[in-house]
Amino acid sequence: MTHRSGKIQFLFWAFFFSVVLYVWIVVVGLQTFVLPDEPPMELPTQVVRLMFVLFGLLITSTLAGNVVAIMIGNRHYTRLFGGMTIVVFGSMVALKGMYG
């Protein structure tokens, strides 16, 4: 069994949880705002709070992983976290454009 350093394990798990949080945000948003048969009569505040908390955790884990990857000079994870950051902020811009 290969043993990896703690820094590489941190990068792996940070990226894993970043992807899981992003997929969770997308699924909650689709189920609440896009896929229901009829639009909600009022804004579901609990879902919005959940999405804000998840988004805060996503940004924290993505930026922490990016900082650690840059500090230790790991190009592979720097590219992964950089791509994840672009996807997150690109989806924010797309949502802002769709929902104003």
Protein backbone atom coordinates (compact mmCIF):
# COMPACT_ATOMS: atom_id res chain seq x y z
CA MET A 1 0.00 0.00 0.00
CA THR A 2 1.36 3.39 -0.86
CA HIS A 3 1.45 6.04 1.81
CA ARG A 4 0.95 9.63 0.80
CA SER A 5 1.89 12.68 2.79
CA GLY A 6 -0.70 14.46 4.86
CA LYS A 7 -0.67 17.43 2.49
CA ILE A 8 -1.58 15.30 -0.52
CA GLN A 9 -4.30 13.55 1.46
CA PHE A 10 -5.68 16.93 2.49
CA LEU A 11 -5.73 18.03 -1.15
CA PHE A 12 -7.49 14.85 -2.23
CA TRP A 13 -10.19 15.10 0.43
CA ALA A 14 -10.64 18.85 -0.04
CA PHE A 15 -11.19 18.31 -3.76
CA PHE A 16 -13.50 15.37 -3.13
CA PHE A 17 -15.66 17.38 -0.71
CA SER A 18 -15.63 20.38 -3.06
CA VAL A 19 -17.08 18.24 -5.84
CA VAL A 20 -19.62 16.66 -3.49
CA LEU A 21 -20.73 20.06 -2.19
CA TYR A 22 -21.03 21.45 -5.73
CA VAL A 23 -23.17 18.51 -6.85
CA TRP A 24 -25.30 18.88 -3.70
CA ILE A 25 -25.89 22.57 -4.43
CA VAL A 26 -26.82 21.81 -8.04
CA VAL A 27 -29.24 19.03 -7.04
CA VAL A 28 -30.95 21.15 -4.37
CA GLY A 29 -31.25 24.09 -6.74
CA LEU A 30 -32.65 21.97 -9.56
CA GLN A 31 -35.16 20.19 -7.32
CA THR A 32 -36.36 23.41 -5.74
CA PHE A 33 -36.35 26.01 -8.50
CA VAL A 34 -36.18 24.30 -11.91
CA LEU A 35 -37.86 20.89 -11.84
CA PRO A 36 -41.07 21.31 -9.77
CA ASP A 37 -44.34 21.16 -11.69
CA GLU A 38 -45.49 24.50 -10.35
CA PRO A 39 -43.24 27.33 -9.20
CA PRO A 40 -43.17 27.93 -5.43
CA MET A 41 -45.62 30.59 -4.24
CA GLU A 42 -43.05 32.09 -1.89
CA LEU A 43 -39.31 31.81 -1.59
CA PRO A 44 -38.40 28.69 0.45
CA THR A 45 -36.18 30.29 3.08
CA GLN A 46 -34.90 27.01 4.52
CA VAL A 47 -33.63 25.90 1.10
CA VAL A 48 -32.01 29.27 0.49
CA ARG A 49 -30.25 29.09 3.87
CA LEU A 50 -29.07 25.57 3.12
CA MET A 51 -27.69 26.69 -0.24
CA PHE A 52 -25.87 29.65 1.34
CA VAL A 53 -24.28 27.39 3.96
CA LEU A 54 -23.29 24.82 1.34
CA PHE A 55 -21.90 27.52 -0.91
CA GLY A 56 -19.84 28.95 1.96
CA LEU A 57 -18.41 25.50 2.69
CA LEU A 58 -17.72 24.99 -1.02
CA ILE A 59 -15.82 28.25 -1.36
CA THR A 60 -13.86 27.55 1.84
CA SER A 61 -12.81 24.05 0.82
CA THR A 62 -11.99 25.06 -2.76
CA LEU A 63 -9.90 28.07 -1.84
CA ALA A 64 -8.17 26.26 1.04
CA GLY A 65 -7.21 23.44 -1.28
CA ASN A 66 -6.01 25.89 -3.90
CA VAL A 67 -3.85 27.75 -1.38
CA VAL A 68 -2.31 24.54 -0.03
CA ALA A 69 -1.65 23.21 -3.54
CA ILE A 70 0.08 26.45 -4.52
CA MET A 71 2.11 26.54 -1.29
CA ILE A 72 3.49 23.02 -1.73
CA GLY A 73 3.93 23.42 -5.49
CA ASN A 74 1.62 20.59 -6.59
CA ARG A 75 0.65 21.44 -10.16
CA HIS A 76 -1.91 18.66 -10.52
CA TYR A 77 -4.09 19.82 -7.65
CA THR A 78 -3.48 23.48 -8.50
CA ARG A 79 -5.05 22.81 -11.90
CA LEU A 80 -7.92 20.81 -10.37
CA PHE A 81 -8.74 23.48 -7.80
CA GLY A 82 -8.30 26.25 -10.35
CA GLY A 83 -10.77 24.50 -12.65
CA MET A 84 -13.17 23.98 -9.78
CA THR A 85 -12.95 27.68 -8.91
CA ILE A 86 -13.71 28.62 -12.52
CA VAL A 87 -16.69 26.22 -12.60
CA VAL A 88 -18.09 27.60 -9.33
CA PHE A 89 -17.80 31.24 -10.30
CA GLY A 90 -18.92 30.54 -13.86
CA SER A 91 -22.07 28.88 -12.58
CA MET A 92 -22.67 31.87 -10.29
CA VAL A 93 -22.44 34.24 -13.25
CA ALA A 94 -24.74 32.00 -15.33
CA LEU A 95 -27.33 31.87 -12.55
CA LYS A 96 -27.14 35.60 -12.07
CA GLY A 97 -27.74 36.02 -15.79
CA MET A 98 -30.74 33.66 -15.79
CA TYR A 99 -32.46 34.81 -12.61
CA GLY A 100 -31.29 38.43 -12.47
